[in-house]
PDB file of N, CA and C in Angstrom:
ATOM      1  N   MET A   1     144.767 129.505  87.078  1.00  0.00           N
ATOM      2  CA  MET A   1     144.217 128.366  87.792  1.00  0.00           C
ATOM      3  C   MET A   1     143.755 128.827  89.165  1.00  0.00           C
ATOM      4  N   VAL A   2     142.575 128.430  89.534  1.00  0.00           N
ATOM      5  CA  VAL A   2     142.029 128.762  90.848  1.00  0.00           C
ATOM      6  C   VAL A   2     142.358 127.621  91.795  1.00  0.00           C
ATOM      7  N   LYS A   3     142.904 127.971  92.949  1.00  0.00           N
ATOM      8  CA  LYS A   3     143.275 126.960  93.932  1.00  0.00           C
ATOM      9  C   LYS A   3     142.482 127.163  95.203  1.00  0.00           C
ATOM     10  N   ARG A   4     142.236 126.075  95.868  1.00  0.00           N
ATOM     11  CA  ARG A   4     141.500 126.113  97.127  1.00  0.00           C
ATOM     12  C   ARG A   4     142.229 127.005  98.122  1.00  0.00           C
ATOM     13  N   GLY A   5     141.462 127.872  98.785  1.00  0.00           N
ATOM     14  CA  GLY A   5     142.042 128.781  99.766  1.00  0.00           C
ATOM     15  C   GLY A   5     142.561 130.081  99.172  1.00  0.00           C
ATOM     16  N   LYS A   6     142.544 130.186  97.851  1.00  0.00           N
ATOM     17  CA  LYS A   6     143.010 131.401  97.172  1.00  0.00           C
ATOM     18  C   LYS A   6     141.810 132.177  96.640  1.00  0.00           C
ATOM     19  N   THR A   7     141.947 133.476  96.576  1.00  0.00           N
ATOM     20  CA  THR A   7     140.890 134.326  96.042  1.00  0.00           C
ATOM     21  C   THR A   7     140.813 134.162  94.529  1.00  0.00           C
ATOM     22  N   HIS A   8     139.611 134.034  94.001  1.00  0.00           N
ATOM     23  CA  HIS A   8     139.409 133.941  92.556  1.00  0.00           C
ATOM     24  C   HIS A   8     139.871 135.256  91.928  1.00  0.00           C
ATOM     25  N   PRO A   9     140.563 135.198  90.779  1.00  0.00           N
ATOM     26  CA  PRO A   9     141.041 136.429  90.126  1.00  0.00           C
ATOM     27  C   PRO A   9     139.939 137.461  89.895  1.00  0.00           C
ATOM     28  N   PHE A  10     138.725 137.009  89.655  1.00  0.00           N
ATOM     29  CA  PHE A  10     137.619 137.938  89.440  1.00  0.00           C
ATOM     30  C   PHE A  10     137.402 138.823  90.657  1.00  0.00           C
ATOM     31  N   GLN A  11     137.555 138.256  91.855  1.00  0.00           N
ATOM     32  CA  GLN A  11     137.322 139.016  93.078  1.00  0.00           C
ATOM     33  C   GLN A  11     138.442 140.007  93.375  1.00  0.00           C
ATOM     34  N   GLN A  12     139.543 139.895  92.682  1.00  0.00           N
ATOM     35  CA  GLN A  12     140.653 140.817  92.887  1.00  0.00           C
ATOM     36  C   GLN A  12     140.472 142.112  92.098  1.00  0.00           C
ATOM     37  N   GLN A  13     139.505 142.134  91.189  1.00  0.00           N
ATOM     38  CA  GLN A  13     139.231 143.332  90.394  1.00  0.00           C
ATOM     39  C   GLN A  13     138.504 144.361  91.247  1.00  0.00           C
ATOM     40  N   GLN A  14     138.893 145.611  91.112  1.00  0.00           N
ATOM     41  CA  GLN A  14     138.260 146.695  91.856  1.00  0.00           C
ATOM     42  C   GLN A  14     137.159 147.335  91.010  1.00  0.00           C
ATOM     43  N   ALA A  15     136.018 147.550  91.614  1.00  0.00           N
ATOM     44  CA  ALA A  15     134.917 148.231  90.928  1.00  0.00           C
ATOM     45  C   ALA A  15     135.167 149.731  90.995  1.00  0.00           C
ATOM     46  N   SER A  16     135.070 150.395  89.850  1.00  0.00           N
ATOM     47  CA  SER A  16     135.343 151.831  89.803  1.00  0.00           C
ATOM     48  C   SER A  16     134.086 152.674  89.978  1.00  0.00           C
ATOM     49  N   SER A  17     132.929 152.029  90.017  1.00  0.00           N
ATOM     50  CA  SER A  17     131.675 152.760  90.180  1.00  0.00           C
ATOM     51  C   SER A  17     130.618 151.829  90.778  1.00  0.00           C
ATOM     52  N   THR A  18     129.497 152.401  91.154  1.00  0.00           N
ATOM     53  CA  THR A  18     128.384 151.599  91.664  1.00  0.00           C
ATOM     54  C   THR A  18     127.888 150.649  90.581  1.00  0.00           C
ATOM     55  N   TYR A  19     127.863 151.122  89.350  1.00  0.00           N
ATOM     56  CA  TYR A  19     127.439 150.288  88.223  1.00  0.00           C
ATOM     57  C   TYR A  19     128.334 149.054  88.111  1.00  0.00           C
ATOM     58  N   ASP A  20     129.661 149.264  88.173  1.00  0.00           N
ATOM     59  CA  ASP A  20     130.598 148.141  88.100  1.00  0.00           C
ATOM     60  C   ASP A  20     130.427 147.194  89.280  1.00  0.00           C
ATOM     61  N   ALA A  21     130.192 147.745  90.459  1.00  0.00           N
ATOM     62  CA  ALA A  21     129.990 146.909  91.652  1.00  0.00           C
ATOM     63  C   ALA A  21     128.754 146.031  91.478  1.00  0.00           C
ATOM     64  N   ASN A  22     127.683 146.589  90.930  1.00  0.00           N
ATOM     65  CA  ASN A  22     126.465 145.809  90.681  1.00  0.00           C
ATOM     66  C   ASN A  22     126.710 144.720  89.639  1.00  0.00           C
ATOM     67  N   ARG A  23     127.515 145.034  88.625  1.00  0.00           N
ATOM     68  CA  ARG A  23     127.858 144.032  87.613  1.00  0.00           C
ATOM     69  C   ARG A  23     128.649 142.894  88.245  1.00  0.00           C
ATOM     70  N   HIS A  24     129.552 143.237  89.169  1.00  0.00           N
ATOM     71  CA  HIS A  24     130.334 142.212  89.866  1.00  0.00           C
ATOM     72  C   HIS A  24     129.409 141.269  90.637  1.00  0.00           C
ATOM     73  N   VAL A  25     128.418 141.835  91.302  1.00  0.00           N
ATOM     74  CA  VAL A  25     127.471 141.015  92.070  1.00  0.00           C
ATOM     75  C   VAL A  25     126.755 140.038  91.142  1.00  0.00           C
ATOM     76  N   LEU A  26     126.286 140.525  89.992  1.00  0.00           N
ATOM     77  CA  LEU A  26     125.596 139.648  89.043  1.00  0.00           C
ATOM     78  C   LEU A  26     126.523 138.554  88.520  1.00  0.00           C
ATOM     79  N   LYS A  27     127.765 138.916  88.211  1.00  0.00           N
ATOM     80  CA  LYS A  27     128.718 137.915  87.719  1.00  0.00           C
ATOM     81  C   LYS A  27     128.983 136.850  88.774  1.00  0.00           C
ATOM     82  N   LEU A  28     129.136 137.278  90.019  1.00  0.00           N
ATOM     83  CA  LEU A  28     129.363 136.309  91.096  1.00  0.00           C
ATOM     84  C   LEU A  28     128.167 135.381  91.267  1.00  0.00           C
ATOM     85  N   LYS A  29     126.961 135.922  91.135  1.00  0.00           N
ATOM     86  CA  LYS A  29     125.764 135.084  91.231  1.00  0.00           C
ATOM     87  C   LYS A  29     125.744 134.048  90.111  1.00  0.00           C
ATOM     88  N   PHE A  30     126.128 134.451  88.895  1.00  0.00           N
ATOM     89  CA  PHE A  30     126.204 133.504  87.787  1.00  0.00           C
ATOM     90  C   PHE A  30     127.250 132.436  88.070  1.00  0.00           C
ATOM     91  N   MET A  31     128.416 132.859  88.549  1.00  0.00           N
ATOM     92  CA  MET A  31     129.500 131.919  88.822  1.00  0.00           C
ATOM     93  C   MET A  31     129.109 130.889  89.875  1.00  0.00           C
ATOM     94  N   CYS A  32     128.316 131.302  90.836  1.00  0.00           N
ATOM     95  CA  CYS A  32     127.916 130.417  91.940  1.00  0.00           C
ATOM     96  C   CYS A  32     126.610 129.685  91.674  1.00  0.00           C
ATOM     97  N   GLY A  33     125.969 129.993  90.550  1.00  0.00           N
ATOM     98  CA  GLY A  33     124.691 129.354  90.247  1.00  0.00           C
ATOM     99  C   GLY A  33     123.539 129.886  91.078  1.00  0.00           C
ATOM    100  N   LYS A  34     123.657 131.117  91.556  1.00  0.00           N
ATOM    101  CA  LYS A  34     122.623 131.694  92.419  1.00  0.00           C
ATOM    102  C   LYS A  34     121.821 132.802  91.743  1.00  0.00           C
ATOM    103  N   TYR A  35     122.072 133.053  90.447  1.00  0.00           N
ATOM    104  CA  TYR A  35     121.306 134.064  89.726  1.00  0.00           C
ATOM    105  C   TYR A  35     119.903 133.523  89.497  1.00  0.00           C
ATOM    106  N   PHE A  36     118.889 134.285  89.843  1.00  0.00           N
ATOM    107  CA  PHE A  36     117.495 133.857  89.754  1.00  0.00           C
ATOM    108  C   PHE A  36     116.949 134.229  88.380  1.00  0.00           C
ATOM    109  N   LEU A  37     116.874 133.260  87.493  1.00  0.00           N
ATOM    110  CA  LEU A  37     116.425 133.477  86.123  1.00  0.00           C
ATOM    111  C   LEU A  37     114.913 133.654  86.051  1.00  0.00           C
ATOM    112  N   GLN A  38     114.454 134.281  84.968  1.00  0.00           N
ATOM    113  CA  GLN A  38     113.014 134.475  84.768  1.00  0.00           C
ATOM    114  C   GLN A  38     112.282 133.136  84.728  1.00  0.00           C
ATOM    115  N   SER A  39     112.909 132.114  84.157  1.00  0.00           N
ATOM    116  CA  SER A  39     112.260 130.797  84.118  1.00  0.00           C
ATOM    117  C   SER A  39     112.086 130.240  85.530  1.00  0.00           C
ATOM    118  N   ASP A  40     113.020 130.551  86.437  1.00  0.00           N
ATOM    119  CA  ASP A  40     112.882 130.139  87.841  1.00  0.00           C
ATOM    120  C   ASP A  40     111.729 130.886  88.501  1.00  0.00           C
ATOM    121  N   ARG A  41     111.654 132.177  88.245  1.00  0.00           N
ATOM    122  CA  ARG A  41     110.566 132.979  88.815  1.00  0.00           C
ATOM    123  C   ARG A  41     109.210 132.445  88.351  1.00  0.00           C
ATOM    124  N   GLY A  42     109.133 132.082  87.078  1.00  0.00           N
ATOM    125  CA  GLY A  42     107.885 131.556  86.530  1.00  0.00           C
ATOM    126  C   GLY A  42     107.467 130.255  87.185  1.00  0.00           C
ATOM    127  N   SER A  43     108.441 129.386  87.435  1.00  0.00           N
ATOM    128  CA  SER A  43     108.094 128.095  88.037  1.00  0.00           C
ATOM    129  C   SER A  43     107.668 128.242  89.493  1.00  0.00           C
ATOM    130  N   PHE A  44     108.169 129.257  90.189  1.00  0.00           N
ATOM    131  CA  PHE A  44     107.786 129.473  91.582  1.00  0.00           C
ATOM    132  C   PHE A  44     106.473 130.232  91.721  1.00  0.00           C
ATOM    133  N   SER A  45     106.034 130.883  90.650  1.00  0.00           N
ATOM    134  CA  SER A  45     104.809 131.683  90.738  1.00  0.00           C
ATOM    135  C   SER A  45     103.679 131.078  89.908  1.00  0.00           C
ATOM    136  N   ASN A  46     103.711 129.766  89.719  1.00  0.00           N
ATOM    137  CA  ASN A  46     102.697 129.084  88.904  1.00  0.00           C
ATOM    138  C   ASN A  46     102.591 129.689  87.511  1.00  0.00           C
ATOM    139  N   ASN A  47     103.740 130.055  86.952  1.00  0.00           N
ATOM    140  CA  ASN A  47     103.848 130.617  85.605  1.00  0.00           C
ATOM    141  C   ASN A  47     103.086 131.922  85.425  1.00  0.00           C
ATOM    142  N   ASN A  48     102.962 132.707  86.496  1.00  0.00           N
ATOM    143  CA  ASN A  48     102.355 134.036  86.396  1.00  0.00           C
ATOM    144  C   ASN A  48     103.382 135.094  86.009  1.00  0.00           C
ATOM    145  N   VAL A  49     104.631 134.698  85.866  1.00  0.00           N
ATOM    146  CA  VAL A  49     105.704 135.612  85.492  1.00  0.00           C
ATOM    147  C   VAL A  49     106.154 135.261  84.081  1.00  0.00           C
ATOM    148  N   ASP A  50     106.311 136.272  83.245  1.00  0.00           N
ATOM    149  CA  ASP A  50     106.799 136.062  81.885  1.00  0.00           C
ATOM    150  C   ASP A  50     108.261 135.627  81.967  1.00  0.00           C
ATOM    151  N   ASP A  51     108.585 134.451  81.430  1.00  0.00           N
ATOM    152  CA  ASP A  51     109.949 133.945  81.525  1.00  0.00           C
ATOM    153  C   ASP A  51     110.804 134.293  80.309  1.00  0.00           C
ATOM    154  N   THR A  52     110.362 135.252  79.515  1.00  0.00           N
ATOM    155  CA  THR A  52     111.126 135.700  78.357  1.00  0.00           C
ATOM    156  C   THR A  52     112.370 136.453  78.814  1.00  0.00           C
ATOM    157  N   CYS A  53     113.470 136.221  78.127  1.00  0.00           N
ATOM    158  CA  CYS A  53     114.735 136.888  78.436  1.00  0.00           C
ATOM    159  C   CYS A  53     114.556 138.399  78.382  1.00  0.00           C
ATOM    160  N   ARG A  54     114.975 139.086  79.424  1.00  0.00           N
ATOM    161  CA  ARG A  54     114.831 140.541  79.484  1.00  0.00           C
ATOM    162  C   ARG A  54     115.948 141.281  78.761  1.00  0.00           C
ATOM    163  N   VAL A  55     116.899 140.531  78.225  1.00  0.00           N
ATOM    164  CA  VAL A  55     117.991 141.151  77.471  1.00  0.00           C
ATOM    165  C   VAL A  55     117.650 141.202  75.987  1.00  0.00           C
ATOM    166  N   CYS A  56     117.203 140.069  75.429  1.00  0.00           N
ATOM    167  CA  CYS A  56     116.950 140.008  73.983  1.00  0.00           C
ATOM    168  C   CYS A  56     115.476 139.840  73.616  1.00  0.00           C
ATOM    169  N   TYR A  57     114.655 139.420  74.553  1.00  0.00           N
ATOM    170  CA  TYR A  57     113.226 139.171  74.315  1.00  0.00           C
ATOM    171  C   TYR A  57     112.978 138.174  73.188  1.00  0.00           C
ATOM    172  N   GLU A  58     113.905 137.224  72.978  1.00  0.00           N
ATOM    173  CA  GLU A  58     113.780 136.257  71.886  1.00  0.00           C
ATOM    174  C   GLU A  58     113.496 134.835  72.351  1.00  0.00           C
ATOM    175  N   SER A  59     113.767 134.522  73.604  1.00  0.00           N
ATOM    176  CA  SER A  59     113.662 133.147  74.069  1.00  0.00           C
ATOM    177  C   SER A  59     113.404 133.120  75.570  1.00  0.00           C
ATOM    178  N   ARG A  60     113.158 131.916  76.100  1.00  0.00           N
ATOM    179  CA  ARG A  60     113.015 131.767  77.550  1.00  0.00           C
ATOM    180  C   ARG A  60     114.362 132.042  78.205  1.00  0.00           C
ATOM    181  N   GLU A  61     114.333 132.739  79.321  1.00  0.00           N
ATOM    182  CA  GLU A  61     115.564 133.055  80.035  1.00  0.00           C
ATOM    183  C   GLU A  61     115.959 131.858  80.898  1.00  0.00           C
ATOM    184  N   LYS A  62     116.765 130.984  80.324  1.00  0.00           N
ATOM    185  CA  LYS A  62     117.311 129.831  81.026  1.00  0.00           C
ATOM    186  C   LYS A  62     118.827 130.005  81.039  1.00  0.00           C
ATOM    187  N   LEU A  63     119.492 129.245  81.883  1.00  0.00           N
ATOM    188  CA  LEU A  63     120.939 129.386  82.011  1.00  0.00           C
ATOM    189  C   LEU A  63     121.652 129.158  80.683  1.00  0.00           C
ATOM    190  N   GLN A  64     121.275 128.117  79.959  1.00  0.00           N
ATOM    191  CA  GLN A  64     121.906 127.847  78.668  1.00  0.00           C
ATOM    192  C   GLN A  64     121.734 129.031  77.722  1.00  0.00           C
ATOM    193  N   HIS A  65     120.546 129.601  77.696  1.00  0.00           N
ATOM    194  CA  HIS A  65     120.289 130.748  76.827  1.00  0.00           C
ATOM    195  C   HIS A  65     121.186 131.923  77.215  1.00  0.00           C
ATOM    196  N   MET A  66     121.240 132.234  78.512  1.00  0.00           N
ATOM    197  CA  MET A  66     122.014 133.390  78.972  1.00  0.00           C
ATOM    198  C   MET A  66     123.506 133.217  78.704  1.00  0.00           C
ATOM    199  N   VAL A  67     124.022 132.020  78.921  1.00  0.00           N
ATOM    200  CA  VAL A  67     125.461 131.790  78.796  1.00  0.00           C
ATOM    201  C   VAL A  67     125.893 131.563  77.351  1.00  0.00           C
ATOM    202  N   LEU A  68     125.070 130.896  76.545  1.00  0.00           N
ATOM    203  CA  LEU A  68     125.516 130.490  75.218  1.00  0.00           C
ATOM    204  C   LEU A  68     124.760 131.080  74.035  1.00  0.00           C
ATOM    205  N   GLU A  69     123.519 131.525  74.220  1.00  0.00           N
ATOM    206  CA  GLU A  69     122.683 131.846  73.066  1.00  0.00           C
ATOM    207  C   GLU A  69     122.204 133.286  72.957  1.00  0.00           C
ATOM    208  N   CYS A  70     122.062 134.000  74.039  1.00  0.00           N
ATOM    209  CA  CYS A  70     121.424 135.317  74.028  1.00  0.00           C
ATOM    210  C   CYS A  70     122.160 136.295  73.106  1.00  0.00           C
ATOM    211  N   SER A  71     121.442 136.813  72.117  1.00  0.00           N
ATOM    212  CA  SER A  71     122.052 137.738  71.152  1.00  0.00           C
ATOM    213  C   SER A  71     122.444 139.061  71.803  1.00  0.00           C
ATOM    214  N   GLY A  72     121.781 139.421  72.878  1.00  0.00           N
ATOM    215  CA  GLY A  72     122.103 140.665  73.570  1.00  0.00           C
ATOM    216  C   GLY A  72     123.358 140.595  74.418  1.00  0.00           C
ATOM    217  N   LEU A  73     123.881 139.399  74.617  1.00  0.00           N
ATOM    218  CA  LEU A  73     125.074 139.233  75.450  1.00  0.00           C
ATOM    219  C   LEU A  73     126.309 138.827  74.649  1.00  0.00           C
ATOM    220  N   VAL A  74     126.236 138.915  73.334  1.00  0.00           N
ATOM    221  CA  VAL A  74     127.355 138.515  72.474  1.00  0.00           C
ATOM    222  C   VAL A  74     128.623 139.288  72.827  1.00  0.00           C
ATOM    223  N   ALA A  75     128.511 140.595  73.016  1.00  0.00           N
ATOM    224  CA  ALA A  75     129.690 141.423  73.294  1.00  0.00           C
ATOM    225  C   ALA A  75     130.348 141.055  74.622  1.00  0.00           C
ATOM    226  N   VAL A  76     129.572 140.550  75.556  1.00  0.00           N
ATOM    227  CA  VAL A  76     130.114 140.131  76.851  1.00  0.00           C
ATOM    228  C   VAL A  76     130.636 138.703  76.761  1.00  0.00           C
ATOM    229  N   ARG A  77     129.871 137.840  76.106  1.00  0.00           N
ATOM    230  CA  ARG A  77     130.168 136.415  76.070  1.00  0.00           C
ATOM    231  C   ARG A  77     131.378 136.072  75.199  1.00  0.00           C
ATOM    232  N   ASP A  78     131.490 136.643  74.020  1.00  0.00           N
ATOM    233  CA  ASP A  78     132.533 136.246  73.075  1.00  0.00           C
ATOM    234  C   ASP A  78     133.955 136.402  73.615  1.00  0.00           C
ATOM    235  N   PRO A  79     134.306 137.528  74.245  1.00  0.00           N
ATOM    236  CA  PRO A  79     135.669 137.625  74.791  1.00  0.00           C
ATOM    237  C   PRO A  79     135.948 136.568  75.869  1.00  0.00           C
ATOM    238  N   ILE A  80     134.947 136.253  76.653  1.00  0.00           N
ATOM    239  CA  ILE A  80     135.116 135.246  77.707  1.00  0.00           C
ATOM    240  C   ILE A  80     135.318 133.872  77.081  1.00  0.00           C
ATOM    241  N   LEU A  81     134.501 133.536  76.083  1.00  0.00           N
ATOM    242  CA  LEU A  81     134.637 132.238  75.421  1.00  0.00           C
ATOM    243  C   LEU A  81     135.968 132.122  74.684  1.00  0.00           C
ATOM    244  N   ARG A  82     136.432 133.203  74.055  1.00  0.00           N
ATOM    245  CA  ARG A  82     137.739 133.185  73.387  1.00  0.00           C
ATOM    246  C   ARG A  82     138.854 132.934  74.398  1.00  0.00           C
ATOM    247  N   ASP A  83     138.747 133.570  75.562  1.00  0.00           N
ATOM    248  CA  ASP A  83     139.748 133.374  76.611  1.00  0.00           C
ATOM    249  C   ASP A  83     139.750 131.919  77.085  1.00  0.00           C
ATOM    250  N   ILE A  84     138.575 131.355  77.281  1.00  0.00           N
ATOM    251  CA  ILE A  84     138.479 129.953  77.709  1.00  0.00           C
ATOM    252  C   ILE A  84     139.071 129.035  76.646  1.00  0.00           C
ATOM    253  N   GLU A  85     138.720 129.282  75.379  1.00  0.00           N
ATOM    254  CA  GLU A  85     139.237 128.454  74.290  1.00  0.00           C
ATOM    255  C   GLU A  85     140.757 128.532  74.206  1.00  0.00           C
ATOM    256  N   SER A  86     141.318 129.725  74.404  1.00  0.00           N
ATOM    257  CA  SER A  86     142.778 129.871  74.322  1.00  0.00           C
ATOM    258  C   SER A  86     143.477 129.135  75.461  1.00  0.00           C
ATOM    259  N   ARG A  87     142.828 129.030  76.597  1.00  0.00           N
ATOM    260  CA  ARG A  87     143.421 128.316  77.735  1.00  0.00           C
ATOM    261  C   ARG A  87     143.291 126.805  77.592  1.00  0.00           C
ATOM    262  N   ILE A  88     142.265 126.356  76.872  1.00  0.00           N
ATOM    263  CA  ILE A  88     142.054 124.921  76.691  1.00  0.00           C
ATOM    264  C   ILE A  88     143.004 124.365  75.639  1.00  0.00           C
ATOM    265  N   GLU A  89     143.205 125.105  74.549  1.00  0.00           N
ATOM    266  CA  GLU A  89     144.071 124.639  73.465  1.00  0.00           C
ATOM    267  C   GLU A  89     145.523 124.650  73.924  1.00  0.00           C
ATOM    268  N   VAL A  90     146.160 123.516  73.788  1.00  0.00           N
ATOM    269  CA  VAL A  90     147.560 123.398  74.228  1.00  0.00           C
ATOM    270  C   VAL A  90     148.448 123.143  73.047  1.00  0.00           C
TER     271      VAL A  90
END
């Protein structure tokens, strides 16, 4: 449980490399709703930017797609969703 004034458990993890540190930054942006999706870029550039997901190239890169649908993120998403489900079930 995250409590006000306490550090989120995610921030307590130490990055062992530059790659891990960059992944942490992306995860924090997702958690805070500050990750700039391709669909956002397209709407700000009068649709001059391809809004296709850069992970799977199968759909528009929207938040719902990235969090719930992207086939390229299954290995990352499934363990997180299983953890959430185990915490919800009482």
